[in-house]
Amino acid sequence: MTAMPLVLVAVQSSPSQLQKIEWGVAELNAETGDVSLNGRAMLWLAELQTETPAKDVASFDSGVPTPPVLEPRKQEGTDPNAR
């Protein structure tokens, strides 16, 4: 039996937030193609937030979103090719 060691990384997320990252050492059986996981460990876990940072942002699931106001920096000037 020929086995190849692997490092697997599992990422769990929702469409709006990364929730956790885990990793583990596994072996790939070259003859059968089976992978056996020998353990998992947490690399990173999102902290629970009681207050959402985007609570004051208007939703734009319908209608037109309000664009942010952008102003050029003083050193940039208003020339489109400003350096």
PDB file of N, CA and C in Angstrom:
ATOM      1  N   MET A   1       0.846  -1.189   0.000  1.00  0.00           N
ATOM      2  CA  MET A   1       0.000   0.000   0.000  1.00  0.00           C
ATOM      3  C   MET A   1       0.883   1.241   0.000  1.00  0.00           C
ATOM      4  N   THR A   2       0.648   2.122  -0.947  1.00  0.00           N
ATOM      5  CA  THR A   2       1.385   3.370  -1.032  1.00  0.00           C
ATOM      6  C   THR A   2       0.498   4.488  -0.507  1.00  0.00           C
ATOM      7  N   ALA A   3       0.982   5.186   0.518  1.00  0.00           N
ATOM      8  CA  ALA A   3       0.210   6.282   1.105  1.00  0.00           C
ATOM      9  C   ALA A   3       0.987   7.579   0.945  1.00  0.00           C
ATOM     10  N   MET A   4       0.256   8.635   0.634  1.00  0.00           N
ATOM     11  CA  MET A   4       0.868   9.950   0.506  1.00  0.00           C
ATOM     12  C   MET A   4       0.276  10.858   1.579  1.00  0.00           C
ATOM     13  N   PRO A   5       1.117  11.496   2.405  1.00  0.00           N
ATOM     14  CA  PRO A   5       0.591  12.405   3.429  1.00  0.00           C
ATOM     15  C   PRO A   5       0.028  13.672   2.789  1.00  0.00           C
ATOM     16  N   LEU A   6      -1.061  14.157   3.378  1.00  0.00           N
ATOM     17  CA  LEU A   6      -1.733  15.366   2.909  1.00  0.00           C
ATOM     18  C   LEU A   6      -1.997  16.297   4.077  1.00  0.00           C
ATOM     19  N   VAL A   7      -2.094  17.570   3.801  1.00  0.00           N
ATOM     20  CA  VAL A   7      -2.592  18.542   4.769  1.00  0.00           C
ATOM     21  C   VAL A   7      -3.880  19.099   4.176  1.00  0.00           C
ATOM     22  N   LEU A   8      -4.979  18.920   4.888  1.00  0.00           N
ATOM     23  CA  LEU A   8      -6.275  19.403   4.428  1.00  0.00           C
ATOM     24  C   LEU A   8      -6.651  20.659   5.195  1.00  0.00           C
ATOM     25  N   VAL A   9      -7.231  21.615   4.506  1.00  0.00           N
ATOM     26  CA  VAL A   9      -7.715  22.845   5.125  1.00  0.00           C
ATOM     27  C   VAL A   9      -9.198  22.958   4.813  1.00  0.00           C
ATOM     28  N   ALA A  10     -10.012  23.107   5.859  1.00  0.00           N
ATOM     29  CA  ALA A  10     -11.460  23.247   5.699  1.00  0.00           C
ATOM     30  C   ALA A  10     -11.858  24.662   6.095  1.00  0.00           C
ATOM     31  N   VAL A  11     -12.587  25.320   5.212  1.00  0.00           N
ATOM     32  CA  VAL A  11     -13.051  26.686   5.453  1.00  0.00           C
ATOM     33  C   VAL A  11     -14.567  26.662   5.500  1.00  0.00           C
ATOM     34  N   GLN A  12     -15.131  27.182   6.578  1.00  0.00           N
ATOM     35  CA  GLN A  12     -16.587  27.270   6.699  1.00  0.00           C
ATOM     36  C   GLN A  12     -16.970  28.739   6.687  1.00  0.00           C
ATOM     37  N   SER A  13     -17.904  29.079   5.801  1.00  0.00           N
ATOM     38  CA  SER A  13     -18.326  30.473   5.718  1.00  0.00           C
ATOM     39  C   SER A  13     -19.759  30.556   5.239  1.00  0.00           C
ATOM     40  N   SER A  14     -20.330  31.719   5.453  1.00  0.00           N
ATOM     41  CA  SER A  14     -21.635  32.045   4.898  1.00  0.00           C
ATOM     42  C   SER A  14     -21.368  33.021   3.755  1.00  0.00           C
ATOM     43  N   PRO A  15     -22.377  33.392   2.988  1.00  0.00           N
ATOM     44  CA  PRO A  15     -22.128  34.357   1.915  1.00  0.00           C
ATOM     45  C   PRO A  15     -21.589  35.700   2.401  1.00  0.00           C
ATOM     46  N   SER A  16     -21.782  36.020   3.671  1.00  0.00           N
ATOM     47  CA  SER A  16     -21.354  37.337   4.142  1.00  0.00           C
ATOM     48  C   SER A  16     -20.213  37.316   5.154  1.00  0.00           C
ATOM     49  N   GLN A  17     -19.812  36.127   5.651  1.00  0.00           N
ATOM     50  CA  GLN A  17     -18.793  36.135   6.703  1.00  0.00           C
ATOM     51  C   GLN A  17     -18.050  34.810   6.771  1.00  0.00           C
ATOM     52  N   LEU A  18     -16.739  34.901   6.932  1.00  0.00           N
ATOM     53  CA  LEU A  18     -15.917  33.733   7.207  1.00  0.00           C
ATOM     54  C   LEU A  18     -16.183  33.308   8.644  1.00  0.00           C
ATOM     55  N   GLN A  19     -16.458  32.016   8.869  1.00  0.00           N
ATOM     56  CA  GLN A  19     -16.819  31.562  10.204  1.00  0.00           C
ATOM     57  C   GLN A  19     -15.706  30.791  10.903  1.00  0.00           C
ATOM     58  N   LYS A  20     -15.033  29.873  10.184  1.00  0.00           N
ATOM     59  CA  LYS A  20     -13.925  29.174  10.824  1.00  0.00           C
ATOM     60  C   LYS A  20     -13.021  28.526   9.791  1.00  0.00           C
ATOM     61  N   ILE A  21     -11.774  28.276  10.217  1.00  0.00           N
ATOM     62  CA  ILE A  21     -10.795  27.578   9.394  1.00  0.00           C
ATOM     63  C   ILE A  21     -10.209  26.461  10.254  1.00  0.00           C
ATOM     64  N   GLU A  22     -10.238  25.240   9.731  1.00  0.00           N
ATOM     65  CA  GLU A  22      -9.666  24.085  10.415  1.00  0.00           C
ATOM     66  C   GLU A  22      -8.632  23.437   9.497  1.00  0.00           C
ATOM     67  N   TRP A  23      -7.727  22.659  10.088  1.00  0.00           N
ATOM     68  CA  TRP A  23      -6.763  21.925   9.292  1.00  0.00           C
ATOM     69  C   TRP A  23      -6.584  20.545   9.894  1.00  0.00           C
ATOM     70  N   GLY A  24      -6.055  19.649   9.100  1.00  0.00           N
ATOM     71  CA  GLY A  24      -5.810  18.299   9.582  1.00  0.00           C
ATOM     72  C   GLY A  24      -4.822  17.578   8.690  1.00  0.00           C
ATOM     73  N   VAL A  25      -4.188  16.557   9.266  1.00  0.00           N
ATOM     74  CA  VAL A  25      -3.260  15.718   8.523  1.00  0.00           C
ATOM     75  C   VAL A  25      -4.021  14.481   8.072  1.00  0.00           C
ATOM     76  N   ALA A  26      -3.833  14.110   6.819  1.00  0.00           N
ATOM     77  CA  ALA A  26      -4.534  12.956   6.263  1.00  0.00           C
ATOM     78  C   ALA A  26      -3.561  12.149   5.413  1.00  0.00           C
ATOM     79  N   GLU A  27      -4.030  10.974   4.997  1.00  0.00           N
ATOM     80  CA  GLU A  27      -3.242  10.138   4.095  1.00  0.00           C
ATOM     81  C   GLU A  27      -4.098   9.749   2.908  1.00  0.00           C
ATOM     82  N   LEU A  28      -3.505   9.810   1.733  1.00  0.00           N
ATOM     83  CA  LEU A  28      -4.167   9.389   0.507  1.00  0.00           C
ATOM     84  C   LEU A  28      -3.649   8.010   0.136  1.00  0.00           C
ATOM     85  N   ASN A  29      -4.541   7.041   0.021  1.00  0.00           N
ATOM     86  CA  ASN A  29      -4.179   5.706  -0.428  1.00  0.00           C
ATOM     87  C   ASN A  29      -4.131   5.750  -1.950  1.00  0.00           C
ATOM     88  N   ALA A  30      -2.946   5.628  -2.511  1.00  0.00           N
ATOM     89  CA  ALA A  30      -2.767   5.756  -3.953  1.00  0.00           C
ATOM     90  C   ALA A  30      -3.460   4.641  -4.727  1.00  0.00           C
ATOM     91  N   GLU A  31      -3.628   3.492  -4.111  1.00  0.00           N
ATOM     92  CA  GLU A  31      -4.251   2.358  -4.799  1.00  0.00           C
ATOM     93  C   GLU A  31      -5.766   2.515  -4.893  1.00  0.00           C
ATOM     94  N   THR A  32      -6.395   2.954  -3.818  1.00  0.00           N
ATOM     95  CA  THR A  32      -7.860   3.047  -3.784  1.00  0.00           C
ATOM     96  C   THR A  32      -8.379   4.465  -3.999  1.00  0.00           C
ATOM     97  N   GLY A  33      -7.533   5.470  -3.770  1.00  0.00           N
ATOM     98  CA  GLY A  33      -7.973   6.858  -3.873  1.00  0.00           C
ATOM     99  C   GLY A  33      -8.675   7.362  -2.623  1.00  0.00           C
ATOM    100  N   ASP A  34      -8.727   6.525  -1.580  1.00  0.00           N
ATOM    101  CA  ASP A  34      -9.376   6.914  -0.328  1.00  0.00           C
ATOM    102  C   ASP A  34      -8.479   7.845   0.479  1.00  0.00           C
ATOM    103  N   VAL A  35      -9.103   8.778   1.180  1.00  0.00           N
ATOM    104  CA  VAL A  35      -8.391   9.699   2.066  1.00  0.00           C
ATOM    105  C   VAL A  35      -8.838   9.413   3.484  1.00  0.00           C
ATOM    106  N   SER A  36      -7.875   9.205   4.384  1.00  0.00           N
ATOM    107  CA  SER A  36      -8.213   9.004   5.799  1.00  0.00           C
ATOM    108  C   SER A  36      -7.657  10.174   6.600  1.00  0.00           C
ATOM    109  N   LEU A  37      -8.548  10.847   7.308  1.00  0.00           N
ATOM    110  CA  LEU A  37      -8.192  12.014   8.112  1.00  0.00           C
ATOM    111  C   LEU A  37      -7.750  11.546   9.487  1.00  0.00           C
ATOM    112  N   ASN A  38      -6.586  12.005   9.933  1.00  0.00           N
ATOM    113  CA  ASN A  38      -6.016  11.567  11.208  1.00  0.00           C
ATOM    114  C   ASN A  38      -6.196  12.576  12.329  1.00  0.00           C
ATOM    115  N   GLY A  39      -7.071  13.524  12.176  1.00  0.00           N
ATOM    116  CA  GLY A  39      -7.309  14.513  13.218  1.00  0.00           C
ATOM    117  C   GLY A  39      -7.513  15.887  12.620  1.00  0.00           C
ATOM    118  N   ARG A  40      -8.188  16.729  13.380  1.00  0.00           N
ATOM    119  CA  ARG A  40      -8.459  18.103  12.943  1.00  0.00           C
ATOM    120  C   ARG A  40      -8.132  19.057  14.072  1.00  0.00           C
ATOM    121  N   ALA A  41      -7.745  20.263  13.711  1.00  0.00           N
ATOM    122  CA  ALA A  41      -7.470  21.296  14.708  1.00  0.00           C
ATOM    123  C   ALA A  41      -7.984  22.632  14.181  1.00  0.00           C
ATOM    124  N   MET A  42      -8.451  23.454  15.088  1.00  0.00           N
ATOM    125  CA  MET A  42      -8.973  24.774  14.737  1.00  0.00           C
ATOM    126  C   MET A  42      -7.809  25.737  14.517  1.00  0.00           C
ATOM    127  N   LEU A  43      -7.802  26.404  13.384  1.00  0.00           N
ATOM    128  CA  LEU A  43      -6.816  27.457  13.127  1.00  0.00           C
ATOM    129  C   LEU A  43      -7.362  28.823  13.501  1.00  0.00           C
ATOM    130  N   TRP A  44      -8.628  29.051  13.166  1.00  0.00           N
ATOM    131  CA  TRP A  44      -9.232  30.364  13.395  1.00  0.00           C
ATOM    132  C   TRP A  44     -10.729  30.206  13.534  1.00  0.00           C
ATOM    133  N   LEU A  45     -11.322  30.949  14.461  1.00  0.00           N
ATOM    134  CA  LEU A  45     -12.762  30.937  14.683  1.00  0.00           C
ATOM    135  C   LEU A  45     -13.234  32.377  14.819  1.00  0.00           C
ATOM    136  N   ALA A  46     -14.286  32.718  14.109  1.00  0.00           N
ATOM    137  CA  ALA A  46     -14.814  34.087  14.159  1.00  0.00           C
ATOM    138  C   ALA A  46     -15.334  34.393  15.553  1.00  0.00           C
ATOM    139  N   GLU A  47     -15.088  35.604  15.996  1.00  0.00           N
ATOM    140  CA  GLU A  47     -15.632  36.038  17.278  1.00  0.00           C
ATOM    141  C   GLU A  47     -17.077  36.451  17.080  1.00  0.00           C
ATOM    142  N   LEU A  48     -17.909  36.098  18.018  1.00  0.00           N
ATOM    143  CA  LEU A  48     -19.308  36.498  17.935  1.00  0.00           C
ATOM    144  C   LEU A  48     -19.407  37.994  18.177  1.00  0.00           C
ATOM    145  N   GLN A  49     -20.160  38.662  17.334  1.00  0.00           N
ATOM    146  CA  GLN A  49     -20.346  40.098  17.484  1.00  0.00           C
ATOM    147  C   GLN A  49     -21.793  40.352  17.856  1.00  0.00           C
ATOM    148  N   THR A  50     -21.980  41.106  18.925  1.00  0.00           N
ATOM    149  CA  THR A  50     -23.339  41.418  19.347  1.00  0.00           C
ATOM    150  C   THR A  50     -23.913  42.579  18.547  1.00  0.00           C
ATOM    151  N   GLU A  51     -23.035  43.351  17.956  1.00  0.00           N
ATOM    152  CA  GLU A  51     -23.469  44.510  17.177  1.00  0.00           C
ATOM    153  C   GLU A  51     -22.858  44.403  15.789  1.00  0.00           C
ATOM    154  N   THR A  52     -23.675  44.468  14.773  1.00  0.00           N
ATOM    155  CA  THR A  52     -23.149  44.361  13.418  1.00  0.00           C
ATOM    156  C   THR A  52     -22.527  45.682  12.998  1.00  0.00           C
ATOM    157  N   PRO A  53     -21.336  45.649  12.392  1.00  0.00           N
ATOM    158  CA  PRO A  53     -20.685  46.896  11.998  1.00  0.00           C
ATOM    159  C   PRO A  53     -21.411  47.618  10.876  1.00  0.00           C
ATOM    160  N   ALA A  54     -22.276  46.937  10.153  1.00  0.00           N
ATOM    161  CA  ALA A  54     -22.968  47.558   9.027  1.00  0.00           C
ATOM    162  C   ALA A  54     -24.411  47.904   9.365  1.00  0.00           C
ATOM    163  N   LYS A  55     -24.696  48.173  10.623  1.00  0.00           N
ATOM    164  CA  LYS A  55     -26.082  48.418  11.013  1.00  0.00           C
ATOM    165  C   LYS A  55     -26.640  49.719  10.437  1.00  0.00           C
ATOM    166  N   ASP A  56     -25.779  50.692  10.140  1.00  0.00           N
ATOM    167  CA  ASP A  56     -26.256  51.970   9.625  1.00  0.00           C
ATOM    168  C   ASP A  56     -26.178  52.060   8.102  1.00  0.00           C
ATOM    169  N   VAL A  57     -25.869  50.955   7.455  1.00  0.00           N
ATOM    170  CA  VAL A  57     -25.752  50.951   6.002  1.00  0.00           C
ATOM    171  C   VAL A  57     -27.108  50.624   5.403  1.00  0.00           C
ATOM    172  N   ALA A  58     -27.515  51.414   4.431  1.00  0.00           N
ATOM    173  CA  ALA A  58     -28.814  51.194   3.792  1.00  0.00           C
ATOM    174  C   ALA A  58     -28.765  49.945   2.927  1.00  0.00           C
ATOM    175  N   SER A  59     -29.818  49.165   2.990  1.00  0.00           N
ATOM    176  CA  SER A  59     -29.922  47.973   2.167  1.00  0.00           C
ATOM    177  C   SER A  59     -30.257  48.375   0.739  1.00  0.00           C
ATOM    178  N   PHE A  60     -29.691  47.655  -0.223  1.00  0.00           N
ATOM    179  CA  PHE A  60     -30.023  47.961  -1.607  1.00  0.00           C
ATOM    180  C   PHE A  60     -30.497  46.711  -2.337  1.00  0.00           C
ATOM    181  N   ASP A  61     -31.312  45.907  -1.634  1.00  0.00           N
ATOM    182  CA  ASP A  61     -31.884  44.736  -2.288  1.00  0.00           C
ATOM    183  C   ASP A  61     -32.944  45.140  -3.300  1.00  0.00           C
ATOM    184  N   SER A  62     -33.391  46.367  -3.213  1.00  0.00           N
ATOM    185  CA  SER A  62     -34.292  46.914  -4.225  1.00  0.00           C
ATOM    186  C   SER A  62     -33.992  48.402  -4.336  1.00  0.00           C
ATOM    187  N   GLY A  63     -34.228  48.958  -5.481  1.00  0.00           N
ATOM    188  CA  GLY A  63     -33.932  50.371  -5.677  1.00  0.00           C
ATOM    189  C   GLY A  63     -32.485  50.580  -6.072  1.00  0.00           C
ATOM    190  N   VAL A  64     -31.991  51.772  -5.840  1.00  0.00           N
ATOM    191  CA  VAL A  64     -30.636  52.141  -6.234  1.00  0.00           C
ATOM    192  C   VAL A  64     -29.838  52.481  -4.982  1.00  0.00           C
ATOM    193  N   PRO A  65     -28.647  51.883  -4.798  1.00  0.00           N
ATOM    194  CA  PRO A  65     -27.855  52.206  -3.615  1.00  0.00           C
ATOM    195  C   PRO A  65     -27.315  53.630  -3.683  1.00  0.00           C
ATOM    196  N   THR A  66     -27.129  54.225  -2.531  1.00  0.00           N
ATOM    197  CA  THR A  66     -26.556  55.561  -2.456  1.00  0.00           C
ATOM    198  C   THR A  66     -25.043  55.426  -2.498  1.00  0.00           C
ATOM    199  N   PRO A  67     -24.390  55.991  -3.523  1.00  0.00           N
ATOM    200  CA  PRO A  67     -22.936  55.847  -3.612  1.00  0.00           C
ATOM    201  C   PRO A  67     -22.243  56.700  -2.552  1.00  0.00           C
ATOM    202  N   PRO A  68     -21.062  56.286  -2.110  1.00  0.00           N
ATOM    203  CA  PRO A  68     -20.324  57.095  -1.138  1.00  0.00           C
ATOM    204  C   PRO A  68     -19.797  58.364  -1.797  1.00  0.00           C
ATOM    205  N   VAL A  69     -19.601  59.388  -1.000  1.00  0.00           N
ATOM    206  CA  VAL A  69     -19.058  60.646  -1.502  1.00  0.00           C
ATOM    207  C   VAL A  69     -17.540  60.516  -1.518  1.00  0.00           C
ATOM    208  N   LEU A  70     -16.958  60.688  -2.685  1.00  0.00           N
ATOM    209  CA  LEU A  70     -15.508  60.589  -2.827  1.00  0.00           C
ATOM    210  C   LEU A  70     -14.947  61.933  -3.239  1.00  0.00           C
ATOM    211  N   GLU A  71     -13.874  62.330  -2.580  1.00  0.00           N
ATOM    212  CA  GLU A  71     -13.208  63.578  -2.921  1.00  0.00           C
ATOM    213  C   GLU A  71     -11.735  63.280  -3.144  1.00  0.00           C
ATOM    214  N   PRO A  72     -11.109  63.937  -4.133  1.00  0.00           N
ATOM    215  CA  PRO A  72      -9.684  63.683  -4.352  1.00  0.00           C
ATOM    216  C   PRO A  72      -8.860  64.226  -3.192  1.00  0.00           C
ATOM    217  N   ARG A  73      -7.766  63.553  -2.916  1.00  0.00           N
ATOM    218  CA  ARG A  73      -6.844  64.066  -1.904  1.00  0.00           C
ATOM    219  C   ARG A  73      -6.179  65.325  -2.449  1.00  0.00           C
ATOM    220  N   LYS A  74      -5.702  66.175  -1.564  1.00  0.00           N
ATOM    221  CA  LYS A  74      -5.092  67.435  -1.992  1.00  0.00           C
ATOM    222  C   LYS A  74      -3.923  67.193  -2.936  1.00  0.00           C
ATOM    223  N   GLN A  75      -3.074  66.205  -2.647  1.00  0.00           N
ATOM    224  CA  GLN A  75      -1.914  65.964  -3.495  1.00  0.00           C
ATOM    225  C   GLN A  75      -2.299  65.337  -4.833  1.00  0.00           C
ATOM    226  N   GLU A  76      -3.510  64.778  -4.950  1.00  0.00           N
ATOM    227  CA  GLU A  76      -3.926  64.173  -6.207  1.00  0.00           C
ATOM    228  C   GLU A  76      -4.456  65.204  -7.189  1.00  0.00           C
ATOM    229  N   GLY A  77      -5.088  66.232  -6.699  1.00  0.00           N
ATOM    230  CA  GLY A  77      -5.669  67.217  -7.584  1.00  0.00           C
ATOM    231  C   GLY A  77      -6.891  66.663  -8.298  1.00  0.00           C
ATOM    232  N   THR A  78      -7.351  67.378  -9.312  1.00  0.00           N
ATOM    233  CA  THR A  78      -8.533  66.940 -10.046  1.00  0.00           C
ATOM    234  C   THR A  78      -8.196  66.470 -11.452  1.00  0.00           C
ATOM    235  N   ASP A  79      -6.931  66.553 -11.852  1.00  0.00           N
ATOM    236  CA  ASP A  79      -6.502  66.077 -13.162  1.00  0.00           C
ATOM    237  C   ASP A  79      -6.688  64.562 -13.229  1.00  0.00           C
ATOM    238  N   PRO A  80      -7.338  64.024 -14.291  1.00  0.00           N
ATOM    239  CA  PRO A  80      -7.548  62.578 -14.369  1.00  0.00           C
ATOM    240  C   PRO A  80      -6.242  61.792 -14.393  1.00  0.00           C
ATOM    241  N   ASN A  81      -5.136  62.426 -14.784  1.00  0.00           N
ATOM    242  CA  ASN A  81      -3.835  61.754 -14.791  1.00  0.00           C
ATOM    243  C   ASN A  81      -2.972  62.212 -13.621  1.00  0.00           C
ATOM    244  N   ALA A  82      -3.608  62.607 -12.529  1.00  0.00           N
ATOM    245  CA  ALA A  82      -2.868  63.118 -11.367  1.00  0.00           C
ATOM    246  C   ALA A  82      -1.932  62.051 -10.837  1.00  0.00           C
ATOM    247  N   ARG A  83      -0.803  62.496 -10.311  1.00  0.00           N
ATOM    248  CA  ARG A  83       0.180  61.554  -9.778  1.00  0.00           C
ATOM    249  C   ARG A  83       0.299  61.703  -8.297  1.00  0.00           C
TER     250      ARG A  83
END
